[in-house]
Amino acid sequence: MGRFIYDTMSNSVDIDDRTLAHLRIVVMNKLRRAEPFMFDVEMGDGSGRRSFWMHPGVPLQFHFFGSRQAWINRAWIEDLMQAASGPNGLTITPEPAEDKAPEEG
């Protein structure tokens, strides 16, 4: 379980490391292009939802608690990027299947 931190620890949300790795790619790509957007996420403790206005001027952190890098599903990245560019902003969608599974080494 990782943690997304927006500005301060009081603005943090616990998110699964694998999901967080995908969100990190989407957020960094959007902000690198200077494209602010809304990020809406359910709180892991059952206390509802939080919406963050993602802007390049606000410090953020992606804290991964696991030591292994997650395998990245490109189809999921595309789905999340499309959501982030839409009128409702980025929400965590279920991971779609990808044509090719990662090779175990």
Protein backbone atom coordinates (compact mmCIF):
# COMPACT_ATOMS: atom_id res chain seq x y z
CA MET A 1 0.00 0.00 0.00
CA GLY A 2 1.47 3.34 -1.05
CA ARG A 3 0.53 6.90 -0.34
CA PHE A 4 -0.31 9.86 -2.59
CA ILE A 5 0.60 13.12 -0.83
CA TYR A 6 -0.68 16.43 -2.21
CA ASP A 7 1.13 19.39 -0.64
CA THR A 8 1.06 18.15 2.98
CA MET A 9 0.50 14.89 4.86
CA SER A 10 -2.97 16.10 5.82
CA ASN A 11 -3.79 15.86 2.10
CA SER A 12 -2.75 12.24 1.63
CA VAL A 13 -4.54 9.13 0.44
CA ASP A 14 -3.45 5.51 0.76
CA ILE A 15 -3.46 3.77 -2.62
CA ASP A 16 -2.25 0.32 -3.66
CA ASP A 17 1.38 0.48 -4.95
CA ARG A 18 0.46 -0.95 -8.37
CA THR A 19 -2.35 1.55 -8.87
CA LEU A 20 -0.14 4.36 -7.56
CA ALA A 21 2.56 3.52 -10.12
CA HIS A 22 0.03 3.97 -12.92
CA LEU A 23 -1.36 7.18 -11.42
CA ARG A 24 2.17 8.57 -11.13
CA ILE A 25 2.73 8.17 -14.88
CA VAL A 26 -0.58 9.84 -15.73
CA VAL A 27 -0.15 12.72 -13.27
CA MET A 28 3.44 13.42 -14.32
CA ASN A 29 2.50 13.41 -18.02
CA LYS A 30 -0.43 15.78 -17.51
CA LEU A 31 1.51 18.20 -15.29
CA ARG A 32 4.61 18.11 -17.51
CA ARG A 33 2.35 19.36 -20.31
CA ALA A 34 1.00 22.08 -17.98
CA GLU A 35 -2.48 20.53 -18.11
CA PRO A 36 -4.12 20.92 -14.70
CA PHE A 37 -6.99 18.52 -13.97
CA MET A 38 -9.25 17.18 -11.22
CA PHE A 39 -8.30 13.94 -9.43
CA ASP A 40 -11.19 12.32 -7.55
CA VAL A 41 -10.36 9.40 -5.26
CA GLU A 42 -12.16 7.33 -2.63
CA MET A 43 -10.60 7.50 0.80
CA GLY A 44 -9.25 4.13 1.88
CA ASP A 45 -10.81 4.45 5.35
CA GLY A 46 -14.41 4.59 4.09
CA SER A 47 -14.80 8.30 4.89
CA GLY A 48 -15.96 9.24 1.40
CA ARG A 49 -14.24 10.81 -1.57
CA ARG A 50 -11.69 13.57 -2.01
CA SER A 51 -11.13 15.77 -5.02
CA PHE A 52 -7.73 17.33 -5.70
CA TRP A 53 -7.17 20.08 -8.25
CA MET A 54 -3.91 18.88 -9.76
CA HIS A 55 -1.69 21.80 -10.69
CA PRO A 56 2.06 21.89 -11.42
CA GLY A 57 2.58 24.57 -8.75
CA VAL A 58 1.56 22.27 -5.87
CA PRO A 59 4.16 19.83 -4.47
CA LEU A 60 3.20 16.19 -4.57
CA GLN A 61 4.74 12.89 -3.58
CA PHE A 62 4.16 9.28 -4.50
CA HIS A 63 5.34 7.14 -1.58
CA PHE A 64 5.69 3.47 -2.46
CA PHE A 65 5.97 1.06 0.46
CA GLY A 66 6.95 -1.95 -1.66
CA SER A 67 10.47 -2.37 -3.01
CA ARG A 68 9.59 -3.85 -6.42
CA GLN A 69 8.64 -1.70 -9.38
CA ALA A 70 5.21 -2.50 -10.73
CA TRP A 71 4.73 -3.89 -14.22
CA ILE A 72 2.99 -1.16 -16.23
CA ASN A 73 -0.18 -1.95 -18.16
CA ARG A 74 -0.22 0.44 -21.13
CA ALA A 75 -3.94 -0.08 -21.70
CA TRP A 76 -4.62 1.11 -18.15
CA ILE A 77 -2.40 4.16 -18.65
CA GLU A 78 -4.39 5.03 -21.78
CA ASP A 79 -7.71 4.64 -19.91
CA LEU A 80 -6.51 6.80 -17.02
CA MET A 81 -5.10 9.46 -19.37
CA GLN A 82 -8.41 9.62 -21.20
CA ALA A 83 -10.27 10.01 -17.90
CA ALA A 84 -7.90 12.75 -16.72
CA SER A 85 -8.56 14.67 -19.94
CA GLY A 86 -12.33 14.28 -19.67
CA PRO A 87 -14.92 16.56 -18.05
CA ASN A 88 -15.05 14.58 -14.78
CA GLY A 89 -11.30 14.34 -14.33
CA LEU A 90 -9.15 11.42 -13.22
CA THR A 91 -10.71 8.62 -11.22
CA ILE A 92 -9.24 5.20 -10.56
CA THR A 93 -10.80 2.81 -13.05
CA PRO A 94 -10.52 -0.99 -12.97
CA GLU A 95 -7.40 -2.33 -14.66
CA PRO A 96 -8.20 -3.65 -18.15
CA ALA A 97 -6.62 -6.76 -19.59
CA GLU A 98 -3.59 -6.20 -21.78
CA ASP A 99 -2.73 -8.34 -24.80
CA LYS A 100 0.70 -9.34 -23.56
CA ALA A 101 1.50 -10.42 -20.00
CA PRO A 102 4.83 -9.43 -18.45
CA GLU A 103 7.69 -11.86 -18.83
CA GLU A 104 8.91 -13.32 -15.57
CA GLY A 105 12.65 -13.30 -15.27
